[in-house]
Amino acid sequence: MKYYLKLGFVLLIITIIASGVLAYINSITKPIIEKNQRKTKEEARLEVLPSAVTFDSISYFNDEVVYTGKNEKGEIVGYTFVASLYGYSGDVKSMIGVTPELAVNKIKIIEQKETPGLGANCQKQEFQKQFENKIKSSMMVDKDGGEIISITGATITTRTIANSIKTGLAMLEEITSELEELTSDKEEKVK
């Protein structure tokens, strides 16, 4: 019995030390990881809405900030948001650039854990290009009667991306209509 208590105590000490080391390493690496994620999102925002010079936050969607992109004159040239849904192996996150008319300008996959050689092909430019100039109603894959050609062997990933963008565009419609109402109410009060 004494032998088992001694083994249990040694195991407890090893576990405490290992946990302490992991917690210390996490405290060092967490800020670096967060900084890199912010930088990746900033670069993706500029890539999906290249005509924008500044970005102002206007709302939240999926715990992510929705931005308006403005040009040098301060005019709105579009919106950006992160669309995210669970795919085959994990969340697939895309940065979406949208025109003021709420058509997709460009998308960029910023995070995915899909199967290499299948769903991971969603990061290829030729796949992402087919979402350009699409509106909410045309966000359907070919297997569901839509225009978006699904990745061979990865229909779930393709459907996930299309549905996440469709949901994001619906949310953006609501946000922009609320902003337009607020703006028109302010203009009426000024008159």
Protein backbone atom coordinates (compact mmCIF):
# COMPACT_ATOMS: atom_id res chain seq x y z
CA MET A 1 0.00 0.00 0.00
CA LYS A 2 2.86 2.29 0.93
CA TYR A 3 4.41 1.64 -2.48
CA TYR A 4 1.25 2.79 -4.30
CA LEU A 5 0.99 5.95 -2.21
CA LYS A 6 4.60 6.77 -3.03
CA LEU A 7 3.98 6.24 -6.77
CA GLY A 8 0.79 8.37 -6.59
CA PHE A 9 2.67 11.16 -4.81
CA VAL A 10 5.51 11.13 -7.39
CA LEU A 11 2.96 11.21 -10.20
CA LEU A 12 1.18 14.13 -8.50
CA ILE A 13 4.44 16.12 -8.25
CA ILE A 14 5.30 15.43 -11.90
CA THR A 15 1.78 16.51 -12.95
CA ILE A 16 1.98 19.75 -10.93
CA ILE A 17 5.38 20.63 -12.42
CA ALA A 18 4.23 19.84 -15.98
CA SER A 19 1.07 21.90 -15.51
CA GLY A 20 3.07 24.81 -14.17
CA VAL A 21 5.50 24.69 -17.11
CA LEU A 22 2.63 24.54 -19.63
CA ALA A 23 0.82 27.44 -17.95
CA TYR A 24 4.02 29.51 -18.03
CA ILE A 25 4.64 28.74 -21.72
CA ASN A 26 1.01 29.57 -22.52
CA SER A 27 1.32 32.95 -20.76
CA ILE A 28 4.31 33.76 -22.97
CA THR A 29 2.91 32.53 -26.29
CA LYS A 30 -0.75 33.63 -25.97
CA PRO A 31 -0.10 37.36 -26.65
CA ILE A 32 2.13 36.49 -29.61
CA ILE A 33 -0.53 34.20 -31.11
CA GLU A 34 -3.24 36.87 -30.64
CA LYS A 35 -1.02 39.50 -32.27
CA ASN A 36 -0.39 37.22 -35.27
CA GLN A 37 -4.13 36.49 -35.61
CA ARG A 38 -4.92 40.24 -35.59
CA LYS A 39 -2.24 40.86 -38.21
CA THR A 40 -3.59 38.04 -40.40
CA LYS A 41 -7.10 39.52 -40.21
CA GLU A 42 -5.84 43.03 -41.02
CA GLU A 43 -3.94 41.76 -44.07
CA ALA A 44 -6.95 39.72 -45.18
CA ARG A 45 -9.22 42.78 -44.79
CA LEU A 46 -6.95 44.77 -47.09
CA GLU A 47 -6.82 41.91 -49.57
CA VAL A 48 -10.59 41.40 -49.85
CA LEU A 49 -11.36 45.13 -50.03
CA PRO A 50 -8.28 46.70 -51.67
CA SER A 51 -9.99 50.03 -52.47
CA ALA A 52 -10.39 50.77 -48.74
CA VAL A 53 -7.83 52.90 -46.95
CA THR A 54 -9.40 52.85 -43.48
CA PHE A 55 -11.69 50.45 -41.66
CA ASP A 56 -14.21 51.44 -38.99
CA SER A 57 -15.98 48.89 -36.82
CA ILE A 58 -19.77 49.04 -36.99
CA SER A 59 -21.09 45.89 -35.34
CA TYR A 60 -20.34 42.33 -34.25
CA PHE A 61 -21.12 38.99 -35.93
CA ASN A 62 -19.97 35.56 -34.66
CA ASP A 63 -17.88 37.30 -31.98
CA GLU A 64 -16.00 39.10 -34.76
CA VAL A 65 -16.07 42.77 -35.71
CA VAL A 66 -17.85 43.93 -38.87
CA TYR A 67 -16.01 46.80 -40.57
CA THR A 68 -16.88 49.46 -43.11
CA GLY A 69 -14.09 50.16 -45.58
CA LYS A 70 -13.65 53.78 -46.60
CA ASN A 71 -11.56 55.41 -49.33
CA GLU A 72 -9.41 58.57 -49.05
CA LYS A 73 -12.51 60.78 -49.32
CA GLY A 74 -14.23 58.98 -46.44
CA GLU A 75 -16.79 57.32 -48.71
CA ILE A 76 -17.87 53.77 -47.93
CA VAL A 77 -16.40 51.41 -50.53
CA GLY A 78 -17.57 48.21 -48.85
CA TYR A 79 -17.73 46.06 -45.76
CA THR A 80 -15.68 43.21 -44.30
CA PHE A 81 -16.60 40.46 -41.88
CA VAL A 82 -15.43 37.01 -40.84
CA ALA A 83 -17.78 34.20 -41.89
CA SER A 84 -17.37 31.02 -39.89
CA LEU A 85 -19.13 27.66 -39.70
CA TYR A 86 -18.10 24.15 -38.74
CA GLY A 87 -16.98 22.20 -41.79
CA TYR A 88 -15.92 18.57 -42.03
CA SER A 89 -13.03 18.70 -39.53
CA GLY A 90 -13.42 22.05 -37.78
CA ASP A 91 -14.34 25.69 -38.19
CA VAL A 92 -13.70 27.23 -41.58
CA LYS A 93 -13.16 30.97 -41.22
CA SER A 94 -13.22 33.29 -44.22
CA MET A 95 -12.63 37.02 -44.47
CA ILE A 96 -15.32 38.41 -46.75
CA GLY A 97 -15.10 41.71 -48.62
CA VAL A 98 -18.48 43.06 -49.72
CA THR A 99 -19.37 45.94 -52.04
CA PRO A 100 -21.78 48.69 -50.90
CA GLU A 101 -24.44 46.86 -52.99
CA LEU A 102 -23.87 43.77 -50.77
CA ALA A 103 -22.27 41.60 -53.44
CA VAL A 104 -19.15 39.64 -52.54
CA ASN A 105 -16.03 41.47 -53.70
CA LYS A 106 -13.55 38.77 -52.67
CA ILE A 107 -13.06 36.08 -50.04
CA LYS A 108 -9.96 34.76 -48.30
CA ILE A 109 -9.87 31.64 -46.16
CA ILE A 110 -8.02 32.65 -43.00
CA GLU A 111 -8.38 29.48 -40.93
CA GLN A 112 -9.35 25.88 -41.69
CA LYS A 113 -8.65 22.38 -40.42
CA GLU A 114 -10.10 20.45 -43.34
CA THR A 115 -8.68 17.25 -44.83
CA PRO A 116 -5.41 17.90 -46.71
CA GLY A 117 -5.84 17.33 -50.43
CA LEU A 118 -9.63 17.56 -50.20
CA GLY A 119 -11.31 20.24 -48.09
CA ALA A 120 -8.02 22.09 -47.62
CA ASN A 121 -8.22 22.93 -51.33
CA CYS A 122 -10.63 25.69 -50.29
CA GLN A 123 -7.54 27.86 -49.92
CA LYS A 124 -6.82 27.74 -53.64
CA GLN A 125 -7.44 31.01 -55.52
CA GLU A 126 -9.46 29.36 -58.30
CA PHE A 127 -11.93 28.04 -55.72
CA GLN A 128 -12.23 31.35 -53.86
CA LYS A 129 -12.62 33.32 -57.12
CA GLN A 130 -16.00 31.74 -57.87
CA PHE A 131 -17.57 33.60 -54.93
CA GLU A 132 -16.77 37.01 -56.41
CA ASN A 133 -19.73 39.18 -57.50
CA LYS A 134 -22.22 36.76 -55.93
CA ILE A 135 -25.14 37.98 -53.85
CA LYS A 136 -26.87 36.26 -50.95
CA SER A 137 -29.42 34.43 -53.11
CA SER A 138 -26.70 32.84 -55.29
CA MET A 139 -24.74 31.34 -52.38
CA MET A 140 -25.58 27.73 -53.17
CA VAL A 141 -23.33 24.89 -54.29
CA ASP A 142 -23.92 23.02 -57.54
CA LYS A 143 -25.11 19.91 -55.67
CA ASP A 144 -27.97 22.04 -54.27
CA GLY A 145 -28.80 23.66 -57.62
CA GLY A 146 -26.48 26.66 -57.26
CA GLU A 147 -23.62 28.14 -59.25
CA ILE A 148 -20.74 27.45 -56.88
CA ILE A 149 -18.79 24.39 -58.01
CA SER A 150 -17.99 22.22 -55.02
CA ILE A 151 -14.54 20.83 -54.37
CA THR A 152 -14.35 17.19 -55.47
CA GLY A 153 -14.64 15.02 -52.38
CA ALA A 154 -15.30 18.03 -50.14
CA THR A 155 -18.88 19.10 -50.71
CA ILE A 156 -19.30 19.67 -46.96
CA THR A 157 -16.47 22.23 -46.93
CA THR A 158 -17.84 24.03 -49.99
CA ARG A 159 -21.36 24.07 -48.54
CA THR A 160 -19.98 25.32 -45.22
CA ILE A 161 -18.23 28.28 -46.86
CA ALA A 162 -21.27 29.17 -49.00
CA ASN A 163 -23.67 28.94 -46.05
CA SER A 164 -21.41 30.97 -43.76
CA ILE A 165 -21.16 33.72 -46.38
CA LYS A 166 -24.92 33.61 -46.97
CA THR A 167 -25.55 33.98 -43.23
CA GLY A 168 -23.04 36.83 -43.03
CA LEU A 169 -24.63 38.66 -45.96
CA ALA A 170 -28.06 38.35 -44.32
CA MET A 171 -26.62 39.81 -41.12
CA LEU A 172 -24.93 42.59 -43.07
CA GLU A 173 -28.25 43.46 -44.75
CA GLU A 174 -29.79 43.94 -41.30
CA ILE A 175 -26.89 46.03 -40.04
CA THR A 176 -26.81 48.29 -43.10
CA SER A 177 -30.58 48.80 -43.07
CA GLU A 178 -30.39 49.77 -39.37
CA LEU A 179 -27.55 52.19 -40.15
CA GLU A 180 -29.54 53.71 -43.02
CA GLU A 181 -32.55 54.19 -40.71
CA LEU A 182 -30.38 55.88 -38.10
CA THR A 183 -28.77 58.10 -40.71
CA SER A 184 -32.13 59.12 -42.22
CA ASP A 185 -33.56 59.80 -38.72
CA LYS A 186 -30.60 62.09 -37.95
CA GLU A 187 -31.00 63.92 -41.27
CA GLU A 188 -34.73 64.48 -40.58
CA LYS A 189 -33.99 65.89 -37.13
CA VAL A 190 -31.43 68.29 -38.59
CA LYS A 191 -34.01 69.62 -41.09
